[in-house]
Amino acid sequence: MTMPEFKQLVDDVKREVRELSSDDLRRMKSTGEDFSLIDVRESEDWPKGTIPGAATISRGVLELNIDQVTTDKDRKLVLYCGGGSRSALAAYMLQRMGFRNVLSLAGGYRGWKDSEPK
């Protein structure tokens, strides 16, 4: 069971980061908007599926390895995890590192899969 302190931390962080919906992300992808998509789940999750075009950098090393994706502090970055909590924490930390255009996918990969057109 998730500790209440974790939920409180995520709720606090989500007030500091911008989130986007799966529909917003689909629109950005379909219009060819320029951004980097990063899957921050753990490596054992990636074989279960990723959002097409995503770079894979687990949450535990994101701050260390973000330069594998970009060093441009103005680059639009969209982060996602399984359900939206870890990506919000990751977005917050990247903001603390000076990245100014970071978004977290609300609902994460599960929300993305659940919202796929049938």
N, C-alpha and C. Protein backbone atom coordinates (compact mmCIF):
# COMPACT_ATOMS: atom_id res chain seq x y z
N MET A 1 0.84 -1.18 0.00
CA MET A 1 0.00 0.00 0.00
C MET A 1 0.89 1.25 0.00
N THR A 2 0.49 2.24 -0.77
CA THR A 2 1.25 3.48 -0.84
C THR A 2 1.14 4.25 0.46
N MET A 3 2.28 4.71 0.93
CA MET A 3 2.28 5.50 2.17
C MET A 3 1.59 6.84 1.94
N PRO A 4 0.84 7.32 2.91
CA PRO A 4 0.16 8.61 2.75
C PRO A 4 1.16 9.75 2.52
N GLU A 5 2.36 9.62 3.03
CA GLU A 5 3.37 10.67 2.83
C GLU A 5 3.76 10.78 1.35
N PHE A 6 3.80 9.63 0.66
CA PHE A 6 4.11 9.65 -0.77
C PHE A 6 3.01 10.37 -1.53
N LYS A 7 1.77 10.02 -1.24
CA LYS A 7 0.64 10.68 -1.91
C LYS A 7 0.67 12.18 -1.65
N GLN A 8 0.95 12.59 -0.43
CA GLN A 8 1.01 14.02 -0.10
C GLN A 8 2.14 14.70 -0.87
N LEU A 9 3.30 14.03 -0.94
CA LEU A 9 4.43 14.58 -1.69
C LEU A 9 4.05 14.76 -3.15
N VAL A 10 3.46 13.75 -3.76
CA VAL A 10 3.06 13.84 -5.17
C VAL A 10 2.03 14.93 -5.37
N ASP A 11 1.05 15.02 -4.47
CA ASP A 11 0.04 16.08 -4.58
C ASP A 11 0.69 17.46 -4.51
N ASP A 12 1.66 17.63 -3.61
CA ASP A 12 2.37 18.90 -3.49
C ASP A 12 3.14 19.22 -4.77
N VAL A 13 3.84 18.23 -5.29
CA VAL A 13 4.65 18.42 -6.49
C VAL A 13 3.77 18.74 -7.69
N LYS A 14 2.62 18.08 -7.77
CA LYS A 14 1.74 18.31 -8.92
C LYS A 14 1.21 19.75 -8.97
N ARG A 15 1.26 20.44 -7.87
CA ARG A 15 0.90 21.87 -7.88
C ARG A 15 2.01 22.72 -8.50
N GLU A 16 3.20 22.13 -8.62
CA GLU A 16 4.36 22.86 -9.13
C GLU A 16 4.71 22.50 -10.57
N VAL A 17 4.10 21.44 -11.11
CA VAL A 17 4.42 21.02 -12.48
C VAL A 17 3.17 21.08 -13.34
N ARG A 18 3.39 21.19 -14.62
CA ARG A 18 2.29 21.19 -15.57
C ARG A 18 2.06 19.76 -16.05
N GLU A 19 0.79 19.39 -16.14
CA GLU A 19 0.43 18.08 -16.66
C GLU A 19 -0.30 18.26 -17.99
N LEU A 20 -0.25 17.24 -18.82
CA LEU A 20 -1.03 17.24 -20.04
C LEU A 20 -1.76 15.91 -20.12
N SER A 21 -2.83 15.90 -20.87
CA SER A 21 -3.65 14.69 -21.02
C SER A 21 -3.10 13.84 -22.17
N SER A 22 -3.57 12.60 -22.22
CA SER A 22 -3.21 11.72 -23.33
C SER A 22 -3.68 12.32 -24.65
N ASP A 23 -4.86 12.94 -24.66
CA ASP A 23 -5.35 13.59 -25.88
C ASP A 23 -4.43 14.73 -26.31
N ASP A 24 -3.95 15.52 -25.34
CA ASP A 24 -3.00 16.59 -25.65
C ASP A 24 -1.74 16.01 -26.30
N LEU A 25 -1.23 14.92 -25.72
CA LEU A 25 -0.01 14.31 -26.26
C LEU A 25 -0.26 13.75 -27.66
N ARG A 26 -1.38 13.12 -27.88
CA ARG A 26 -1.70 12.61 -29.22
C ARG A 26 -1.76 13.76 -30.23
N ARG A 27 -2.35 14.87 -29.83
CA ARG A 27 -2.43 16.03 -30.72
C ARG A 27 -1.02 16.56 -31.03
N MET A 28 -0.17 16.67 -30.02
CA MET A 28 1.20 17.15 -30.23
C MET A 28 1.93 16.23 -31.20
N LYS A 29 1.76 14.92 -31.03
CA LYS A 29 2.43 13.96 -31.91
C LYS A 29 1.88 14.06 -33.33
N SER A 30 0.56 14.17 -33.48
CA SER A 30 -0.04 14.16 -34.81
C SER A 30 0.27 15.43 -35.60
N THR A 31 0.47 16.54 -34.89
CA THR A 31 0.78 17.79 -35.59
C THR A 31 2.28 17.98 -35.81
N GLY A 32 3.07 17.03 -35.32
CA GLY A 32 4.51 17.13 -35.52
C GLY A 32 5.19 18.15 -34.62
N GLU A 33 4.56 18.48 -33.51
CA GLU A 33 5.17 19.43 -32.58
C GLU A 33 6.54 18.92 -32.14
N ASP A 34 7.46 19.84 -31.97
CA ASP A 34 8.83 19.49 -31.61
C ASP A 34 8.96 19.38 -30.09
N PHE A 35 9.19 18.18 -29.60
CA PHE A 35 9.37 17.94 -28.17
C PHE A 35 10.07 16.60 -28.00
N SER A 36 10.58 16.37 -26.80
CA SER A 36 11.16 15.08 -26.46
C SER A 36 10.25 14.38 -25.47
N LEU A 37 9.99 13.11 -25.73
CA LEU A 37 9.15 12.27 -24.89
C LEU A 37 10.05 11.30 -24.14
N ILE A 38 9.90 11.24 -22.82
CA ILE A 38 10.78 10.40 -22.01
C ILE A 38 9.97 9.50 -21.09
N ASP A 39 10.21 8.20 -21.20
CA ASP A 39 9.61 7.19 -20.33
C ASP A 39 10.53 7.03 -19.13
N VAL A 40 10.05 7.40 -17.94
CA VAL A 40 10.87 7.33 -16.73
C VAL A 40 10.59 6.09 -15.89
N ARG A 41 9.83 5.12 -16.44
CA ARG A 41 9.61 3.88 -15.72
C ARG A 41 10.91 3.10 -15.63
N GLU A 42 10.90 2.03 -14.85
CA GLU A 42 12.08 1.19 -14.71
C GLU A 42 12.26 0.32 -15.95
N SER A 43 13.48 -0.10 -16.21
CA SER A 43 13.80 -0.84 -17.43
C SER A 43 12.97 -2.11 -17.59
N GLU A 44 12.58 -2.76 -16.50
CA GLU A 44 11.77 -3.98 -16.63
C GLU A 44 10.35 -3.68 -17.13
N ASP A 45 9.92 -2.42 -17.09
CA ASP A 45 8.60 -2.05 -17.59
C ASP A 45 8.59 -1.80 -19.10
N TRP A 46 9.71 -1.43 -19.66
CA TRP A 46 9.75 -1.03 -21.07
C TRP A 46 9.34 -2.13 -22.03
N PRO A 47 9.70 -3.41 -21.80
CA PRO A 47 9.25 -4.45 -22.74
C PRO A 47 7.73 -4.62 -22.78
N LYS A 48 7.03 -4.14 -21.76
CA LYS A 48 5.56 -4.23 -21.73
C LYS A 48 4.93 -3.23 -22.69
N GLY A 49 5.73 -2.31 -23.22
CA GLY A 49 5.26 -1.32 -24.16
C GLY A 49 5.67 0.07 -23.76
N THR A 50 5.91 0.89 -24.76
CA THR A 50 6.23 2.30 -24.54
C THR A 50 5.41 3.12 -25.53
N ILE A 51 5.31 4.39 -25.28
CA ILE A 51 4.66 5.28 -26.23
C ILE A 51 5.64 5.48 -27.38
N PRO A 52 5.20 5.30 -28.62
CA PRO A 52 6.11 5.42 -29.76
C PRO A 52 6.88 6.75 -29.74
N GLY A 53 8.18 6.63 -29.98
CA GLY A 53 9.05 7.79 -30.04
C GLY A 53 9.69 8.18 -28.72
N ALA A 54 9.38 7.45 -27.66
CA ALA A 54 9.90 7.81 -26.34
C ALA A 54 11.33 7.35 -26.15
N ALA A 55 12.13 8.21 -25.53
CA ALA A 55 13.44 7.81 -25.01
C ALA A 55 13.17 7.13 -23.67
N THR A 56 14.02 6.20 -23.29
CA THR A 56 13.83 5.47 -22.04
C THR A 56 14.98 5.78 -21.08
N ILE A 57 14.66 6.55 -20.04
CA ILE A 57 15.63 6.86 -18.99
C ILE A 57 14.90 6.71 -17.66
N SER A 58 15.27 5.70 -16.89
CA SER A 58 14.54 5.46 -15.65
C SER A 58 14.67 6.62 -14.68
N ARG A 59 13.66 6.77 -13.87
CA ARG A 59 13.57 7.85 -12.89
C ARG A 59 14.82 7.96 -12.02
N GLY A 60 15.39 6.84 -11.67
CA GLY A 60 16.54 6.84 -10.77
C GLY A 60 17.79 7.48 -11.34
N VAL A 61 17.89 7.58 -12.67
CA VAL A 61 19.09 8.17 -13.27
C VAL A 61 18.76 9.33 -14.21
N LEU A 62 17.52 9.79 -14.18
CA LEU A 62 17.10 10.83 -15.12
C LEU A 62 17.95 12.09 -15.00
N GLU A 63 18.11 12.58 -13.77
CA GLU A 63 18.87 13.82 -13.59
C GLU A 63 20.31 13.66 -14.08
N LEU A 64 20.87 12.49 -13.88
CA LEU A 64 22.24 12.21 -14.31
C LEU A 64 22.35 12.09 -15.82
N ASN A 65 21.33 11.49 -16.45
CA ASN A 65 21.42 11.17 -17.88
C ASN A 65 20.54 12.01 -18.79
N ILE A 66 19.94 13.09 -18.30
CA ILE A 66 19.08 13.91 -19.15
C ILE A 66 19.84 14.46 -20.36
N ASP A 67 21.15 14.61 -20.21
CA ASP A 67 21.95 15.12 -21.32
C ASP A 67 21.98 14.16 -22.51
N GLN A 68 21.55 12.91 -22.33
CA GLN A 68 21.44 11.97 -23.45
C GLN A 68 20.27 12.35 -24.36
N VAL A 69 19.34 13.14 -23.82
CA VAL A 69 18.19 13.61 -24.60
C VAL A 69 18.41 15.06 -25.02
N THR A 70 18.76 15.91 -24.06
CA THR A 70 18.97 17.33 -24.37
C THR A 70 19.73 18.02 -23.25
N THR A 71 20.40 19.08 -23.61
CA THR A 71 20.97 20.00 -22.62
C THR A 71 20.30 21.37 -22.75
N ASP A 72 19.36 21.48 -23.69
CA ASP A 72 18.64 22.73 -23.95
C ASP A 72 17.59 22.93 -22.86
N LYS A 73 17.78 23.90 -22.00
CA LYS A 73 16.87 24.13 -20.88
C LYS A 73 15.50 24.63 -21.32
N ASP A 74 15.36 25.05 -22.59
CA ASP A 74 14.07 25.50 -23.10
C ASP A 74 13.34 24.42 -23.91
N ARG A 75 13.98 23.30 -24.12
CA ARG A 75 13.36 22.21 -24.90
C ARG A 75 12.11 21.71 -24.20
N LYS A 76 11.05 21.49 -24.97
CA LYS A 76 9.82 20.93 -24.39
C LYS A 76 10.07 19.45 -24.13
N LEU A 77 9.85 19.05 -22.87
CA LEU A 77 10.02 17.67 -22.44
C LEU A 77 8.70 17.15 -21.89
N VAL A 78 8.27 15.99 -22.34
CA VAL A 78 7.08 15.34 -21.81
C VAL A 78 7.54 14.04 -21.17
N LEU A 79 7.27 13.91 -19.88
CA LEU A 79 7.68 12.73 -19.13
C LEU A 79 6.47 11.88 -18.80
N TYR A 80 6.67 10.56 -18.78
CA TYR A 80 5.59 9.68 -18.32
C TYR A 80 6.16 8.48 -17.58
N CYS A 81 5.31 7.95 -16.69
CA CYS A 81 5.64 6.74 -15.93
C CYS A 81 4.44 5.81 -16.06
N GLY A 82 4.20 4.98 -15.08
CA GLY A 82 3.07 4.06 -15.14
C GLY A 82 1.73 4.74 -14.90
N GLY A 83 1.69 5.65 -13.92
CA GLY A 83 0.41 6.25 -13.56
C GLY A 83 0.43 7.76 -13.38
N GLY A 84 1.58 8.39 -13.49
CA GLY A 84 1.66 9.85 -13.41
C GLY A 84 2.31 10.41 -12.17
N SER A 85 2.63 9.58 -11.20
CA SER A 85 3.25 10.10 -9.97
C SER A 85 4.76 10.30 -10.13
N ARG A 86 5.44 9.24 -10.56
CA ARG A 86 6.90 9.36 -10.72
C ARG A 86 7.28 10.39 -11.77
N SER A 87 6.48 10.49 -12.83
CA SER A 87 6.80 11.49 -13.86
C SER A 87 6.62 12.90 -13.32
N ALA A 88 5.65 13.10 -12.43
CA ALA A 88 5.49 14.42 -11.80
C ALA A 88 6.71 14.74 -10.94
N LEU A 89 7.16 13.76 -10.16
CA LEU A 89 8.37 13.97 -9.35
C LEU A 89 9.58 14.24 -10.24
N ALA A 90 9.69 13.51 -11.33
CA ALA A 90 10.81 13.71 -12.26
C ALA A 90 10.74 15.09 -12.90
N ALA A 91 9.55 15.52 -13.29
CA ALA A 91 9.38 16.85 -13.89
C ALA A 91 9.79 17.93 -12.90
N TYR A 92 9.39 17.76 -11.66
CA TYR A 92 9.75 18.72 -10.62
C TYR A 92 11.27 18.82 -10.48
N MET A 93 11.94 17.69 -10.47
CA MET A 93 13.40 17.71 -10.32
C MET A 93 14.08 18.35 -11.53
N LEU A 94 13.59 18.08 -12.73
CA LEU A 94 14.17 18.72 -13.91
C LEU A 94 13.96 20.23 -13.86
N GLN A 95 12.80 20.64 -13.37
CA GLN A 95 12.56 22.08 -13.19
C GLN A 95 13.58 22.66 -12.22
N ARG A 96 13.87 21.94 -11.16
CA ARG A 96 14.87 22.39 -10.17
C ARG A 96 16.25 22.49 -10.81
N MET A 97 16.49 21.69 -11.86
CA MET A 97 17.76 21.73 -12.58
C MET A 97 17.79 22.85 -13.61
N GLY A 98 16.68 23.58 -13.75
CA GLY A 98 16.65 24.71 -14.67
C GLY A 98 15.92 24.48 -15.97
N PHE A 99 15.34 23.30 -16.17
CA PHE A 99 14.56 23.06 -17.38
C PHE A 99 13.23 23.79 -17.22
N ARG A 100 12.87 24.58 -18.24
CA ARG A 100 11.74 25.50 -18.12
C ARG A 100 10.47 25.05 -18.83
N ASN A 101 10.53 23.95 -19.58
CA ASN A 101 9.37 23.56 -20.39
C ASN A 101 9.12 22.06 -20.23
N VAL A 102 8.84 21.64 -19.00
CA VAL A 102 8.68 20.23 -18.67
C VAL A 102 7.21 19.95 -18.34
N LEU A 103 6.69 18.86 -18.89
CA LEU A 103 5.31 18.45 -18.62
C LEU A 103 5.29 16.98 -18.21
N SER A 104 4.30 16.63 -17.41
CA SER A 104 4.10 15.26 -16.96
C SER A 104 2.78 14.76 -17.54
N LEU A 105 2.80 13.54 -18.07
CA LEU A 105 1.59 12.96 -18.65
C LEU A 105 0.67 12.48 -17.54
N ALA A 106 -0.47 13.13 -17.39
CA ALA A 106 -1.46 12.73 -16.39
C ALA A 106 -1.95 11.33 -16.71
N GLY A 107 -1.94 10.46 -15.70
CA GLY A 107 -2.39 9.09 -15.90
C GLY A 107 -1.32 8.15 -16.41
N GLY A 108 -0.20 8.70 -16.87
CA GLY A 108 0.93 7.89 -17.31
C GLY A 108 0.61 6.95 -18.45
N TYR A 109 1.43 5.90 -18.54
CA TYR A 109 1.28 4.93 -19.62
C TYR A 109 -0.07 4.22 -19.55
N ARG A 110 -0.53 3.91 -18.34
CA ARG A 110 -1.85 3.26 -18.21
C ARG A 110 -2.95 4.15 -18.78
N GLY A 111 -2.90 5.44 -18.47
CA GLY A 111 -3.89 6.36 -19.00
C GLY A 111 -3.81 6.46 -20.51
N TRP A 112 -2.58 6.44 -21.03
CA TRP A 112 -2.37 6.48 -22.49
C TRP A 112 -3.01 5.26 -23.14
N LYS A 113 -2.73 4.08 -22.60
CA LYS A 113 -3.29 2.84 -23.17
C LYS A 113 -4.81 2.81 -23.04
N ASP A 114 -5.32 3.23 -21.88
CA ASP A 114 -6.77 3.19 -21.65
C ASP A 114 -7.52 4.16 -22.56
N SER A 115 -6.84 5.22 -23.00
CA SER A 115 -7.51 6.23 -23.82
C SER A 115 -7.31 6.01 -25.31
N GLU A 116 -6.64 4.91 -25.68
CA GLU A 116 -6.44 4.64 -27.10
C GLU A 116 -7.77 4.47 -27.81
N PRO A 117 -7.89 5.04 -29.00
CA PRO A 117 -9.13 4.86 -29.76
C PRO A 117 -9.36 3.36 -30.02
N LYS A 118 -10.57 2.94 -29.83
CA LYS A 118 -10.92 1.50 -30.00
C LYS A 118 -11.21 1.19 -31.43
